[in-house]
PDB file of N, CA and C in Angstrom:
ATOM      1  N   MET A   1      -1.402  35.768  73.451  1.00  0.00           N
ATOM      2  CA  MET A   1      -0.843  34.457  73.337  1.00  0.00           C
ATOM      3  C   MET A   1      -0.615  34.136  71.861  1.00  0.00           C
ATOM      4  N   ALA A   2       0.573  33.644  71.550  1.00  0.00           N
ATOM      5  CA  ALA A   2       0.958  33.341  70.168  1.00  0.00           C
ATOM      6  C   ALA A   2       0.504  31.935  69.790  1.00  0.00           C
ATOM      7  N   VAL A   3      -0.009  31.809  68.583  1.00  0.00           N
ATOM      8  CA  VAL A   3      -0.475  30.506  68.085  1.00  0.00           C
ATOM      9  C   VAL A   3       0.640  29.891  67.258  1.00  0.00           C
ATOM     10  N   GLN A   4       0.981  28.667  67.590  1.00  0.00           N
ATOM     11  CA  GLN A   4       2.019  27.982  66.825  1.00  0.00           C
ATOM     12  C   GLN A   4       1.373  27.232  65.666  1.00  0.00           C
ATOM     13  N   ALA A   5       1.966  27.365  64.493  1.00  0.00           N
ATOM     14  CA  ALA A   5       1.454  26.675  63.297  1.00  0.00           C
ATOM     15  C   ALA A   5       2.500  25.682  62.822  1.00  0.00           C
ATOM     16  N   THR A   6       2.042  24.521  62.461  1.00  0.00           N
ATOM     17  CA  THR A   6       2.939  23.492  61.942  1.00  0.00           C
ATOM     18  C   THR A   6       2.728  23.391  60.438  1.00  0.00           C
ATOM     19  N   THR A   7       3.794  23.459  59.707  1.00  0.00           N
ATOM     20  CA  THR A   7       3.700  23.324  58.248  1.00  0.00           C
ATOM     21  C   THR A   7       4.367  22.029  57.820  1.00  0.00           C
ATOM     22  N   ILE A   8       3.758  21.381  56.848  1.00  0.00           N
ATOM     23  CA  ILE A   8       4.308  20.139  56.302  1.00  0.00           C
ATOM     24  C   ILE A   8       4.757  20.425  54.876  1.00  0.00           C
ATOM     25  N   GLU A   9       5.995  20.148  54.636  1.00  0.00           N
ATOM     26  CA  GLU A   9       6.552  20.391  53.308  1.00  0.00           C
ATOM     27  C   GLU A   9       6.747  19.047  52.612  1.00  0.00           C
ATOM     28  N   THR A  10       6.194  18.931  51.411  1.00  0.00           N
ATOM     29  CA  THR A  10       6.357  17.688  50.648  1.00  0.00           C
ATOM     30  C   THR A  10       7.442  17.883  49.600  1.00  0.00           C
ATOM     31  N   VAL A  11       8.272  16.896  49.501  1.00  0.00           N
ATOM     32  CA  VAL A  11       9.376  16.941  48.543  1.00  0.00           C
ATOM     33  C   VAL A  11       9.205  15.776  47.577  1.00  0.00           C
ATOM     34  N   THR A  12       9.203  16.072  46.298  1.00  0.00           N
ATOM     35  CA  THR A  12       9.098  15.030  45.279  1.00  0.00           C
ATOM     36  C   THR A  12      10.500  14.663  44.822  1.00  0.00           C
ATOM     37  N   VAL A  13      10.815  13.390  44.932  1.00  0.00           N
ATOM     38  CA  VAL A  13      12.134  12.914  44.532  1.00  0.00           C
ATOM     39  C   VAL A  13      11.970  12.105  43.251  1.00  0.00           C
ATOM     40  N   VAL A  14      12.625  12.551  42.213  1.00  0.00           N
ATOM     41  CA  VAL A  14      12.620  11.812  40.955  1.00  0.00           C
ATOM     42  C   VAL A  14      13.838  10.910  40.967  1.00  0.00           C
ATOM     43  N   ARG A  15      13.585   9.627  40.895  1.00  0.00           N
ATOM     44  CA  ARG A  15      14.689   8.677  40.928  1.00  0.00           C
ATOM     45  C   ARG A  15      15.199   8.478  39.508  1.00  0.00           C
ATOM     46  N   PRO A  16      16.463   8.810  39.264  1.00  0.00           N
ATOM     47  CA  PRO A  16      16.986   8.734  37.898  1.00  0.00           C
ATOM     48  C   PRO A  16      17.009   7.314  37.340  1.00  0.00           C
ATOM     49  N   LEU A  17      17.151   6.314  38.192  1.00  0.00           N
ATOM     50  CA  LEU A  17      17.177   4.941  37.693  1.00  0.00           C
ATOM     51  C   LEU A  17      15.822   4.547  37.112  1.00  0.00           C
ATOM     52  N   LYS A  18      14.741   4.999  37.711  1.00  0.00           N
ATOM     53  CA  LYS A  18      13.408   4.700  37.187  1.00  0.00           C
ATOM     54  C   LYS A  18      13.154   5.432  35.876  1.00  0.00           C
ATOM     55  N   VAL A  19      13.653   6.638  35.756  1.00  0.00           N
ATOM     56  CA  VAL A  19      13.497   7.390  34.511  1.00  0.00           C
ATOM     57  C   VAL A  19      14.283   6.708  33.392  1.00  0.00           C
ATOM     58  N   ILE A  20      15.496   6.278  33.685  1.00  0.00           N
ATOM     59  CA  ILE A  20      16.313   5.578  32.692  1.00  0.00           C
ATOM     60  C   ILE A  20      15.645   4.264  32.298  1.00  0.00           C
ATOM     61  N   ALA A  21      15.073   3.552  33.255  1.00  0.00           N
ATOM     62  CA  ALA A  21      14.379   2.295  32.959  1.00  0.00           C
ATOM     63  C   ALA A  21      13.163   2.537  32.067  1.00  0.00           C
ATOM     64  N   LEU A  22      12.432   3.602  32.300  1.00  0.00           N
ATOM     65  CA  LEU A  22      11.280   3.924  31.466  1.00  0.00           C
ATOM     66  C   LEU A  22      11.706   4.251  30.039  1.00  0.00           C
ATOM     67  N   VAL A  23      12.776   5.018  29.889  1.00  0.00           N
ATOM     68  CA  VAL A  23      13.280   5.346  28.553  1.00  0.00           C
ATOM     69  C   VAL A  23      13.730   4.078  27.832  1.00  0.00           C
ATOM     70  N   CYS A  24      14.420   3.192  28.531  1.00  0.00           N
ATOM     71  CA  CYS A  24      14.856   1.927  27.920  1.00  0.00           C
ATOM     72  C   CYS A  24      13.662   1.065  27.525  1.00  0.00           C
ATOM     73  N   LEU A  25      12.623   1.058  28.331  1.00  0.00           N
ATOM     74  CA  LEU A  25      11.414   0.301  28.016  1.00  0.00           C
ATOM     75  C   LEU A  25      10.747   0.828  26.749  1.00  0.00           C
ATOM     76  N   LEU A  26      10.647   2.136  26.623  1.00  0.00           N
ATOM     77  CA  LEU A  26      10.037   2.726  25.434  1.00  0.00           C
ATOM     78  C   LEU A  26      10.856   2.429  24.185  1.00  0.00           C
ATOM     79  N   ILE A  27      12.177   2.498  24.302  1.00  0.00           N
ATOM     80  CA  ILE A  27      13.041   2.168  23.165  1.00  0.00           C
ATOM     81  C   ILE A  27      12.886   0.700  22.788  1.00  0.00           C
ATOM     82  N   ALA A  28      12.799  -0.178  23.776  1.00  0.00           N
ATOM     83  CA  ALA A  28      12.643  -1.612  23.507  1.00  0.00           C
ATOM     84  C   ALA A  28      11.322  -1.905  22.805  1.00  0.00           C
ATOM     85  N   PHE A  29      10.232  -1.280  23.225  1.00  0.00           N
ATOM     86  CA  PHE A  29       8.945  -1.490  22.559  1.00  0.00           C
ATOM     87  C   PHE A  29       8.974  -0.980  21.123  1.00  0.00           C
ATOM     88  N   PHE A  30       9.602   0.162  20.900  1.00  0.00           N
ATOM     89  CA  PHE A  30       9.720   0.698  19.545  1.00  0.00           C
ATOM     90  C   PHE A  30      10.501  -0.262  18.651  1.00  0.00           C
ATOM     91  N   LEU A  31      11.627  -0.767  19.147  1.00  0.00           N
ATOM     92  CA  LEU A  31      12.431  -1.699  18.356  1.00  0.00           C
ATOM     93  C   LEU A  31      11.705  -3.022  18.130  1.00  0.00           C
ATOM     94  N   LEU A  32      10.922  -3.472  19.091  1.00  0.00           N
ATOM     95  CA  LEU A  32      10.145  -4.700  18.929  1.00  0.00           C
ATOM     96  C   LEU A  32       9.132  -4.562  17.800  1.00  0.00           C
ATOM     97  N   ILE A  33       8.397  -3.472  17.781  1.00  0.00           N
ATOM     98  CA  ILE A  33       7.417  -3.236  16.717  1.00  0.00           C
ATOM     99  C   ILE A  33       8.118  -3.098  15.373  1.00  0.00           C
ATOM    100  N   LEU A  34       9.247  -2.428  15.352  1.00  0.00           N
ATOM    101  CA  LEU A  34      10.005  -2.267  14.110  1.00  0.00           C
ATOM    102  C   LEU A  34      10.481  -3.612  13.576  1.00  0.00           C
ATOM    103  N   CYS A  35      10.983  -4.461  14.442  1.00  0.00           N
ATOM    104  CA  CYS A  35      11.484  -5.772  14.013  1.00  0.00           C
ATOM    105  C   CYS A  35      10.361  -6.694  13.560  1.00  0.00           C
ATOM    106  N   LEU A  36       9.221  -6.633  14.203  1.00  0.00           N
ATOM    107  CA  LEU A  36       8.105  -7.489  13.805  1.00  0.00           C
ATOM    108  C   LEU A  36       7.552  -7.119  12.437  1.00  0.00           C
ATOM    109  N   SER A  37       7.716  -5.877  12.033  1.00  0.00           N
ATOM    110  CA  SER A  37       7.126  -5.427  10.775  1.00  0.00           C
ATOM    111  C   SER A  37       8.042  -5.604   9.568  1.00  0.00           C
ATOM    112  N   THR A  38       9.271  -6.034   9.747  1.00  0.00           N
ATOM    113  CA  THR A  38      10.185  -6.157   8.615  1.00  0.00           C
ATOM    114  C   THR A  38      10.104  -7.529   7.967  1.00  0.00           C
ATOM    115  N   THR A  39      10.702  -7.637   6.782  1.00  0.00           N
ATOM    116  CA  THR A  39      10.775  -8.920   6.076  1.00  0.00           C
ATOM    117  C   THR A  39      12.189  -9.487   6.128  1.00  0.00           C
ATOM    118  N   TRP A  40      12.997  -9.032   7.022  1.00  0.00           N
ATOM    119  CA  TRP A  40      14.398  -9.462   7.076  1.00  0.00           C
ATOM    120  C   TRP A  40      14.642 -10.495   8.171  1.00  0.00           C
ATOM    121  N   TRP A  41      13.688 -11.356   8.464  1.00  0.00           N
ATOM    122  CA  TRP A  41      13.858 -12.373   9.501  1.00  0.00           C
ATOM    123  C   TRP A  41      14.711 -13.521   9.011  1.00  0.00           C
ATOM    124  N   LEU A  42      14.504 -13.929   7.785  1.00  0.00           N
ATOM    125  CA  LEU A  42      15.227 -15.061   7.213  1.00  0.00           C
ATOM    126  C   LEU A  42      15.667 -14.659   5.819  1.00  0.00           C
ATOM    127  N   ARG A  43      16.969 -14.749   5.553  1.00  0.00           N
ATOM    128  CA  ARG A  43      17.496 -14.377   4.247  1.00  0.00           C
ATOM    129  C   ARG A  43      18.252 -15.547   3.648  1.00  0.00           C
ATOM    130  N   SER A  44      18.072 -15.733   2.355  1.00  0.00           N
ATOM    131  CA  SER A  44      18.786 -16.784   1.648  1.00  0.00           C
ATOM    132  C   SER A  44      18.961 -16.336   0.207  1.00  0.00           C
ATOM    133  N   GLY A  45      20.159 -15.924  -0.140  1.00  0.00           N
ATOM    134  CA  GLY A  45      20.394 -15.434  -1.494  1.00  0.00           C
ATOM    135  C   GLY A  45      19.555 -14.199  -1.767  1.00  0.00           C
ATOM    136  N   GLY A  46      18.698 -14.279  -2.767  1.00  0.00           N
ATOM    137  CA  GLY A  46      17.834 -13.156  -3.106  1.00  0.00           C
ATOM    138  C   GLY A  46      16.449 -13.262  -2.502  1.00  0.00           C
ATOM    139  N   PHE A  47      16.261 -14.179  -1.571  1.00  0.00           N
ATOM    140  CA  PHE A  47      14.950 -14.399  -0.954  1.00  0.00           C
ATOM    141  C   PHE A  47      14.999 -13.976   0.506  1.00  0.00           C
ATOM    142  N   ARG A  48      13.943 -13.313   0.962  1.00  0.00           N
ATOM    143  CA  ARG A  48      13.843 -12.956   2.379  1.00  0.00           C
ATOM    144  C   ARG A  48      12.393 -13.083   2.818  1.00  0.00           C
ATOM    145  N   THR A  49      12.203 -13.376   4.086  1.00  0.00           N
ATOM    146  CA  THR A  49      10.852 -13.567   4.606  1.00  0.00           C
ATOM    147  C   THR A  49      10.748 -13.004   6.018  1.00  0.00           C
ATOM    148  N   GLY A  50       9.542 -12.591   6.363  1.00  0.00           N
ATOM    149  CA  GLY A  50       9.236 -12.090   7.699  1.00  0.00           C
ATOM    150  C   GLY A  50       8.002 -12.793   8.218  1.00  0.00           C
ATOM    151  N   LEU A  51       7.274 -12.141   9.118  1.00  0.00           N
ATOM    152  CA  LEU A  51       6.066 -12.762   9.653  1.00  0.00           C
ATOM    153  C   LEU A  51       4.900 -12.706   8.679  1.00  0.00           C
ATOM    154  N   TRP A  52       4.817 -11.645   7.877  1.00  0.00           N
ATOM    155  CA  TRP A  52       3.648 -11.456   7.033  1.00  0.00           C
ATOM    156  C   TRP A  52       3.946 -11.449   5.542  1.00  0.00           C
ATOM    157  N   LEU A  53       5.180 -11.192   5.130  1.00  0.00           N
ATOM    158  CA  LEU A  53       5.518 -11.109   3.708  1.00  0.00           C
ATOM    159  C   LEU A  53       6.765 -11.916   3.404  1.00  0.00           C
ATOM    160  N   GLU A  54       6.841 -12.384   2.160  1.00  0.00           N
ATOM    161  CA  GLU A  54       8.078 -12.958   1.652  1.00  0.00           C
ATOM    162  C   GLU A  54       8.400 -12.243   0.351  1.00  0.00           C
ATOM    163  N   CYS A  55       9.672 -11.932   0.136  1.00  0.00           N
ATOM    164  CA  CYS A  55      10.087 -11.104  -0.990  1.00  0.00           C
ATOM    165  C   CYS A  55      11.287 -11.724  -1.689  1.00  0.00           C
ATOM    166  N   THR A  56      11.465 -11.342  -2.952  1.00  0.00           N
ATOM    167  CA  THR A  56      12.660 -11.721  -3.697  1.00  0.00           C
ATOM    168  C   THR A  56      13.328 -10.453  -4.196  1.00  0.00           C
ATOM    169  N   ALA A  57      14.617 -10.556  -4.457  1.00  0.00           N
ATOM    170  CA  ALA A  57      15.380  -9.415  -4.955  1.00  0.00           C
ATOM    171  C   ALA A  57      14.996  -9.136  -6.406  1.00  0.00           C
ATOM    172  N   SER A  58      15.154  -7.893  -6.827  1.00  0.00           N
ATOM    173  CA  SER A  58      14.777  -7.528  -8.193  1.00  0.00           C
ATOM    174  C   SER A  58      15.761  -8.060  -9.223  1.00  0.00           C
ATOM    175  N   ASP A  59      16.971  -8.429  -8.800  1.00  0.00           N
ATOM    176  CA  ASP A  59      17.949  -8.944  -9.760  1.00  0.00           C
ATOM    177  C   ASP A  59      17.903 -10.466  -9.889  1.00  0.00           C
ATOM    178  N   GLN A  60      16.935 -11.118  -9.248  1.00  0.00           N
ATOM    179  CA  GLN A  60      16.773 -12.564  -9.389  1.00  0.00           C
ATOM    180  C   GLN A  60      16.309 -12.874 -10.806  1.00  0.00           C
ATOM    181  N   THR A  61      16.901 -13.882 -11.415  1.00  0.00           N
ATOM    182  CA  THR A  61      16.512 -14.249 -12.775  1.00  0.00           C
ATOM    183  C   THR A  61      15.496 -15.381 -12.785  1.00  0.00           C
ATOM    184  N   GLN A  62      15.392 -16.117 -11.708  1.00  0.00           N
ATOM    185  CA  GLN A  62      14.440 -17.220 -11.641  1.00  0.00           C
ATOM    186  C   GLN A  62      13.781 -17.250 -10.268  1.00  0.00           C
ATOM    187  N   TRP A  63      12.696 -17.980 -10.173  1.00  0.00           N
ATOM    188  CA  TRP A  63      11.999 -18.101  -8.901  1.00  0.00           C
ATOM    189  C   TRP A  63      12.833 -18.954  -7.967  1.00  0.00           C
ATOM    190  N   THR A  64      12.932 -18.530  -6.711  1.00  0.00           N
ATOM    191  CA  THR A  64      13.803 -19.238  -5.772  1.00  0.00           C
ATOM    192  C   THR A  64      13.128 -20.440  -5.133  1.00  0.00           C
ATOM    193  N   ILE A  65      11.846 -20.352  -4.839  1.00  0.00           N
ATOM    194  CA  ILE A  65      11.130 -21.475  -4.224  1.00  0.00           C
ATOM    195  C   ILE A  65       9.788 -21.648  -4.922  1.00  0.00           C
ATOM    196  N   ALA A  66       9.257 -22.845  -4.848  1.00  0.00           N
ATOM    197  CA  ALA A  66       7.944 -23.104  -5.437  1.00  0.00           C
ATOM    198  C   ALA A  66       6.875 -22.347  -4.662  1.00  0.00           C
ATOM    199  N   GLY A  67       6.027 -21.651  -5.372  1.00  0.00           N
ATOM    200  CA  GLY A  67       4.976 -20.871  -4.726  1.00  0.00           C
ATOM    201  C   GLY A  67       5.462 -19.539  -4.200  1.00  0.00           C
ATOM    202  N   GLY A  68       6.720 -19.208  -4.442  1.00  0.00           N
ATOM    203  CA  GLY A  68       7.275 -17.944  -3.970  1.00  0.00           C
ATOM    204  C   GLY A  68       6.888 -16.793  -4.877  1.00  0.00           C
ATOM    205  N   PRO A  69       7.211 -15.580  -4.474  1.00  0.00           N
ATOM    206  CA  PRO A  69       6.871 -14.413  -5.289  1.00  0.00           C
ATOM    207  C   PRO A  69       7.769 -14.322  -6.517  1.00  0.00           C
ATOM    208  N   PRO A  70       7.291 -13.681  -7.582  1.00  0.00           N
ATOM    209  CA  PRO A  70       8.148 -13.472  -8.750  1.00  0.00           C
ATOM    210  C   PRO A  70       9.301 -12.532  -8.399  1.00  0.00           C
ATOM    211  N   PRO A  71      10.359 -12.520  -9.207  1.00  0.00           N
ATOM    212  CA  PRO A  71      11.519 -11.665  -8.908  1.00  0.00           C
ATOM    213  C   PRO A  71      11.137 -10.195  -8.733  1.00  0.00           C
ATOM    214  N   GLY A  72      11.655  -9.592  -7.675  1.00  0.00           N
ATOM    215  CA  GLY A  72      11.424  -8.182  -7.396  1.00  0.00           C
ATOM    216  C   GLY A  72      10.090  -7.876  -6.744  1.00  0.00           C
ATOM    217  N   ARG A  73       9.371  -8.880  -6.314  1.00  0.00           N
ATOM    218  CA  ARG A  73       8.046  -8.676  -5.735  1.00  0.00           C
ATOM    219  C   ARG A  73       7.968  -9.238  -4.324  1.00  0.00           C
ATOM    220  N   CYS A  74       6.921  -8.841  -3.610  1.00  0.00           N
ATOM    221  CA  CYS A  74       6.596  -9.393  -2.294  1.00  0.00           C
ATOM    222  C   CYS A  74       5.184  -9.956  -2.347  1.00  0.00           C
ATOM    223  N   GLN A  75       4.929 -10.949  -1.541  1.00  0.00           N
ATOM    224  CA  GLN A  75       3.588 -11.515  -1.436  1.00  0.00           C
ATOM    225  C   GLN A  75       3.363 -11.985  -0.010  1.00  0.00           C
ATOM    226  N   LYS A  76       2.111 -12.285   0.304  1.00  0.00           N
ATOM    227  CA  LYS A  76       1.811 -12.838   1.627  1.00  0.00           C
ATOM    228  C   LYS A  76       2.494 -14.192   1.757  1.00  0.00           C
ATOM    229  N   ILE A  77       2.729 -14.602   2.966  1.00  0.00           N
ATOM    230  CA  ILE A  77       3.396 -15.876   3.226  1.00  0.00           C
ATOM    231  C   ILE A  77       2.600 -17.013   2.606  1.00  0.00           C
ATOM    232  N   HIS A  78       3.301 -17.901   1.936  1.00  0.00           N
ATOM    233  CA  HIS A  78       2.692 -19.076   1.311  1.00  0.00           C
ATOM    234  C   HIS A  78       2.536 -20.134   2.394  1.00  0.00           C
ATOM    235  N   ARG A  79       1.401 -20.143   3.068  1.00  0.00           N
ATOM    236  CA  ARG A  79       1.186 -20.992   4.239  1.00  0.00           C
ATOM    237  C   ARG A  79       1.014 -22.463   3.906  1.00  0.00           C
ATOM    238  N   HIS A  80       0.704 -22.798   2.673  1.00  0.00           N
ATOM    239  CA  HIS A  80       0.453 -24.190   2.326  1.00  0.00           C
ATOM    240  C   HIS A  80       1.707 -24.894   1.835  1.00  0.00           C
ATOM    241  N   ALA A  81       2.849 -24.248   1.962  1.00  0.00           N
ATOM    242  CA  ALA A  81       4.101 -24.882   1.562  1.00  0.00           C
ATOM    243  C   ALA A  81       4.437 -25.986   2.564  1.00  0.00           C
ATOM    244  N   GLY A  82       5.333 -26.876   2.164  1.00  0.00           N
ATOM    245  CA  GLY A  82       5.736 -27.955   3.068  1.00  0.00           C
ATOM    246  C   GLY A  82       6.355 -27.406   4.332  1.00  0.00           C
ATOM    247  N   LYS A  83       6.170 -28.113   5.409  1.00  0.00           N
ATOM    248  CA  LYS A  83       6.699 -27.652   6.694  1.00  0.00           C
ATOM    249  C   LYS A  83       8.218 -27.748   6.700  1.00  0.00           C
ATOM    250  N   ILE A  84       8.843 -26.819   7.362  1.00  0.00           N
ATOM    251  CA  ILE A  84      10.290 -26.841   7.518  1.00  0.00           C
ATOM    252  C   ILE A  84      10.615 -27.811   8.644  1.00  0.00           C
ATOM    253  N   SER A  85      11.473 -28.748   8.378  1.00  0.00           N
ATOM    254  CA  SER A  85      11.835 -29.716   9.416  1.00  0.00           C
ATOM    255  C   SER A  85      13.318 -29.589   9.721  1.00  0.00           C
ATOM    256  N   SER A  86      13.652 -29.748  10.966  1.00  0.00           N
ATOM    257  CA  SER A  86      15.054 -29.685  11.364  1.00  0.00           C
ATOM    258  C   SER A  86      15.603 -31.095  11.500  1.00  0.00           C
ATOM    259  N   ILE A  87      16.861 -31.220  11.233  1.00  0.00           N
ATOM    260  CA  ILE A  87      17.511 -32.540  11.290  1.00  0.00           C
ATOM    261  C   ILE A  87      18.104 -32.733  12.661  1.00  0.00           C
TER     262      ILE A  87
END
């Protein structure tokens, strides 16, 4: 008498849309970290500021704001400056 055997075959399906979404997510996180670390959030003439540093251009001949960094230098954000108000 012959014995019948049942075999189960598993197939793994890689969904390309999920792979593309994962790649886009990784790129977005990389760009987010890159943008948070720069000082190019706000620019005005030779002055630029980010979340942690404010800098002036090296060709500036005078200080642009009170309490700001000297020309060509960067410093931590001057937190005690007057608040920016919108009109």
